[in-house]
């Protein structure tokens, strides 16, 4: 599976961005897809995930502001990010693994990774 993340950019505090993770070669609905982010000097951290079963998990830091969903027609997973804060600035990566499992926040659980897209939130 090849993943392509897109949609990053520069936005002011309080603004919105919509990230997309497109998959080639497989039907995405059978995969759990996660979004992670990495700021300079920090470890890559969990943001959100949608399981193949349909259940969703969010990091506490983004609950109520970010929404993850599937676009079945386009075979993509979308991360809608609202009320962005400067601390959301990072490179955002999507990742995938076939099937579902409990601890989707564990980045070591994923088999496939996209190349990352930069999100910068100015104050």
C-alpha atoms as a PDB file:
ATOM      1  CA  UNK A   1       0.000   0.000   0.000  1.00  0.00           C
ATOM      2  CA  UNK A   2       1.312   3.418  -0.933  1.00  0.00           C
ATOM      3  CA  UNK A   3       0.026   6.358   1.067  1.00  0.00           C
ATOM      4  CA  UNK A   4       0.004   9.958  -0.042  1.00  0.00           C
ATOM      5  CA  UNK A   5      -0.688  12.695   2.506  1.00  0.00           C
ATOM      6  CA  UNK A   6      -1.712  16.139   1.299  1.00  0.00           C
ATOM      7  CA  UNK A   7      -3.465  19.312   2.367  1.00  0.00           C
ATOM      8  CA  UNK A   8      -0.957  20.927   4.679  1.00  0.00           C
ATOM      9  CA  UNK A   9      -0.123  24.595   4.624  1.00  0.00           C
ATOM     10  CA  UNK A  10       0.187  27.814   6.571  1.00  0.00           C
ATOM     11  CA  UNK A  11      -2.816  29.049   8.536  1.00  0.00           C
ATOM     12  CA  UNK A  12      -3.442  31.576  11.303  1.00  0.00           C
ATOM     13  CA  UNK A  13      -4.481  30.636  14.821  1.00  0.00           C
ATOM     14  CA  UNK A  14      -8.131  29.642  14.827  1.00  0.00           C
ATOM     15  CA  UNK A  15      -8.090  28.641  11.182  1.00  0.00           C
ATOM     16  CA  UNK A  16      -8.806  25.292   9.545  1.00  0.00           C
ATOM     17  CA  UNK A  17      -7.075  22.813   7.292  1.00  0.00           C
ATOM     18  CA  UNK A  18      -8.202  19.584   5.706  1.00  0.00           C
ATOM     19  CA  UNK A  19      -5.642  16.821   5.321  1.00  0.00           C
ATOM     20  CA  UNK A  20      -6.174  13.849   3.048  1.00  0.00           C
ATOM     21  CA  UNK A  21      -4.517  10.454   3.010  1.00  0.00           C
ATOM     22  CA  UNK A  22      -4.939   8.627  -0.283  1.00  0.00           C
ATOM     23  CA  UNK A  23      -4.156   4.974  -0.775  1.00  0.00           C
ATOM     24  CA  UNK A  24      -3.131   3.264  -3.960  1.00  0.00           C
ATOM     25  CA  UNK A  25      -3.253  -0.409  -4.610  1.00  0.00           C
ATOM     26  CA  UNK A  26      -5.780  -1.412  -1.952  1.00  0.00           C
ATOM     27  CA  UNK A  27      -9.322  -0.754  -0.817  1.00  0.00           C
ATOM     28  CA  UNK A  28      -8.742   1.547   2.114  1.00  0.00           C
ATOM     29  CA  UNK A  29     -11.841   0.569   4.060  1.00  0.00           C
ATOM     30  CA  UNK A  30     -10.195  -2.668   5.204  1.00  0.00           C
ATOM     31  CA  UNK A  31      -7.387  -0.746   6.863  1.00  0.00           C
ATOM     32  CA  UNK A  32      -7.119   1.116  10.109  1.00  0.00           C
ATOM     33  CA  UNK A  33      -5.703   4.530   9.279  1.00  0.00           C
ATOM     34  CA  UNK A  34      -3.994   6.800  11.746  1.00  0.00           C
ATOM     35  CA  UNK A  35      -2.686  10.330  11.693  1.00  0.00           C
ATOM     36  CA  UNK A  36       0.465  11.201  13.593  1.00  0.00           C
ATOM     37  CA  UNK A  37       2.471  14.395  13.839  1.00  0.00           C
ATOM     38  CA  UNK A  38       6.026  15.327  14.605  1.00  0.00           C
ATOM     39  CA  UNK A  39       7.270  18.743  15.600  1.00  0.00           C
ATOM     40  CA  UNK A  40      10.988  19.600  15.493  1.00  0.00           C
ATOM     41  CA  UNK A  41      12.819  18.020  18.406  1.00  0.00           C
ATOM     42  CA  UNK A  42       9.784  15.984  19.440  1.00  0.00           C
ATOM     43  CA  UNK A  43       8.799  12.382  19.021  1.00  0.00           C
ATOM     44  CA  UNK A  44       6.119  11.440  16.539  1.00  0.00           C
ATOM     45  CA  UNK A  45       2.813  11.518  18.383  1.00  0.00           C
ATOM     46  CA  UNK A  46      -0.643  10.121  17.813  1.00  0.00           C
ATOM     47  CA  UNK A  47      -3.367  12.452  16.591  1.00  0.00           C
ATOM     48  CA  UNK A  48      -6.346  10.363  15.481  1.00  0.00           C
ATOM     49  CA  UNK A  49      -7.270   7.016  13.983  1.00  0.00           C
ATOM     50  CA  UNK A  50     -10.233   5.379  12.324  1.00  0.00           C
ATOM     51  CA  UNK A  51     -10.402   1.620  12.522  1.00  0.00           C
ATOM     52  CA  UNK A  52     -11.559  -0.663   9.736  1.00  0.00           C
ATOM     53  CA  UNK A  53     -14.449  -1.464  12.089  1.00  0.00           C
ATOM     54  CA  UNK A  54     -15.431   2.219  12.034  1.00  0.00           C
ATOM     55  CA  UNK A  55     -14.527   3.187  15.575  1.00  0.00           C
ATOM     56  CA  UNK A  56     -12.495   6.338  16.090  1.00  0.00           C
ATOM     57  CA  UNK A  57      -9.872   7.493  18.586  1.00  0.00           C
ATOM     58  CA  UNK A  58      -8.460  10.962  19.187  1.00  0.00           C
ATOM     59  CA  UNK A  59      -5.601  12.310  21.208  1.00  0.00           C
ATOM     60  CA  UNK A  60      -6.851  14.420  24.097  1.00  0.00           C
ATOM     61  CA  UNK A  61      -5.079  17.464  22.672  1.00  0.00           C
ATOM     62  CA  UNK A  62      -7.244  17.476  19.528  1.00  0.00           C
ATOM     63  CA  UNK A  63     -10.608  16.237  20.801  1.00  0.00           C
ATOM     64  CA  UNK A  64     -13.399  18.581  19.823  1.00  0.00           C
ATOM     65  CA  UNK A  65     -11.244  20.312  17.193  1.00  0.00           C
ATOM     66  CA  UNK A  66     -10.190  17.570  14.767  1.00  0.00           C
ATOM     67  CA  UNK A  67     -12.416  15.088  12.944  1.00  0.00           C
ATOM     68  CA  UNK A  68     -11.259  11.972  11.119  1.00  0.00           C
ATOM     69  CA  UNK A  69     -13.464  10.356   8.500  1.00  0.00           C
ATOM     70  CA  UNK A  70     -13.419   8.160   5.425  1.00  0.00           C
ATOM     71  CA  UNK A  71     -14.306   9.197   1.893  1.00  0.00           C
ATOM     72  CA  UNK A  72     -15.166   5.826   0.413  1.00  0.00           C
ATOM     73  CA  UNK A  73     -15.719   7.185  -3.080  1.00  0.00           C
ATOM     74  CA  UNK A  74     -12.200   8.628  -3.203  1.00  0.00           C
ATOM     75  CA  UNK A  75     -10.555   5.847  -1.173  1.00  0.00           C
ATOM     76  CA  UNK A  76      -9.147   8.425   1.226  1.00  0.00           C
ATOM     77  CA  UNK A  77      -9.139   9.267   4.917  1.00  0.00           C
ATOM     78  CA  UNK A  78      -9.648  12.905   5.808  1.00  0.00           C
ATOM     79  CA  UNK A  79      -8.495  14.797   8.895  1.00  0.00           C
ATOM     80  CA  UNK A  80     -10.484  17.992   9.291  1.00  0.00           C
ATOM     81  CA  UNK A  81      -8.621  20.326  11.622  1.00  0.00           C
ATOM     82  CA  UNK A  82     -10.470  23.306  13.085  1.00  0.00           C
ATOM     83  CA  UNK A  83      -9.568  25.898  15.714  1.00  0.00           C
ATOM     84  CA  UNK A  84      -5.902  25.361  15.001  1.00  0.00           C
ATOM     85  CA  UNK A  85      -3.318  26.457  17.536  1.00  0.00           C
ATOM     86  CA  UNK A  86       0.401  27.192  17.163  1.00  0.00           C
ATOM     87  CA  UNK A  87       1.134  23.989  19.083  1.00  0.00           C
ATOM     88  CA  UNK A  88      -0.490  22.041  16.240  1.00  0.00           C
ATOM     89  CA  UNK A  89       2.448  23.010  14.029  1.00  0.00           C
ATOM     90  CA  UNK A  90       4.167  19.830  12.852  1.00  0.00           C
ATOM     91  CA  UNK A  91       4.669  17.485   9.955  1.00  0.00           C
ATOM     92  CA  UNK A  92       1.584  15.300   9.759  1.00  0.00           C
ATOM     93  CA  UNK A  93       1.860  11.695   8.643  1.00  0.00           C
ATOM     94  CA  UNK A  94      -0.791   9.142   7.808  1.00  0.00           C
ATOM     95  CA  UNK A  95      -0.238   5.465   8.469  1.00  0.00           C
ATOM     96  CA  UNK A  96      -2.168   2.285   7.826  1.00  0.00           C
ATOM     97  CA  UNK A  97      -2.429  -1.347   8.747  1.00  0.00           C
ATOM     98  CA  UNK A  98      -4.829  -4.025   7.612  1.00  0.00           C
ATOM     99  CA  UNK A  99      -7.593  -4.804  10.103  1.00  0.00           C
ATOM    100  CA  UNK A 100      -8.350  -3.431  13.589  1.00  0.00           C
ATOM    101  CA  UNK A 101      -6.658  -3.673  16.966  1.00  0.00           C
ATOM    102  CA  UNK A 102      -7.141  -1.972  20.338  1.00  0.00           C
ATOM    103  CA  UNK A 103      -4.152   0.343  20.764  1.00  0.00           C
ATOM    104  CA  UNK A 104      -4.214   2.367  17.577  1.00  0.00           C
ATOM    105  CA  UNK A 105      -2.168   5.160  19.187  1.00  0.00           C
ATOM    106  CA  UNK A 106       0.948   2.998  19.055  1.00  0.00           C
ATOM    107  CA  UNK A 107       2.884   4.116  15.989  1.00  0.00           C
ATOM    108  CA  UNK A 108       4.880   0.869  15.954  1.00  0.00           C
ATOM    109  CA  UNK A 109       1.664  -0.982  15.083  1.00  0.00           C
ATOM    110  CA  UNK A 110       1.402   0.489  11.601  1.00  0.00           C
ATOM    111  CA  UNK A 111       2.876  -1.122   8.516  1.00  0.00           C
ATOM    112  CA  UNK A 112       2.601   1.666   5.955  1.00  0.00           C
ATOM    113  CA  UNK A 113       3.433   5.365   6.174  1.00  0.00           C
ATOM    114  CA  UNK A 114       2.923   8.345   3.942  1.00  0.00           C
ATOM    115  CA  UNK A 115       5.566  10.972   3.304  1.00  0.00           C
ATOM    116  CA  UNK A 116       4.190  13.702   5.564  1.00  0.00           C
ATOM    117  CA  UNK A 117       2.675  17.111   4.982  1.00  0.00           C
ATOM    118  CA  UNK A 118       3.693  20.292   6.812  1.00  0.00           C
ATOM    119  CA  UNK A 119       1.132  22.163   8.898  1.00  0.00           C
ATOM    120  CA  UNK A 120       2.179  25.555  10.231  1.00  0.00           C
ATOM    121  CA  UNK A 121      -0.082  27.614  12.492  1.00  0.00           C
ATOM    122  CA  UNK A 122       1.011  31.199  13.006  1.00  0.00           C
ATOM    123  CA  UNK A 123       0.170  33.136  16.165  1.00  0.00           C
END
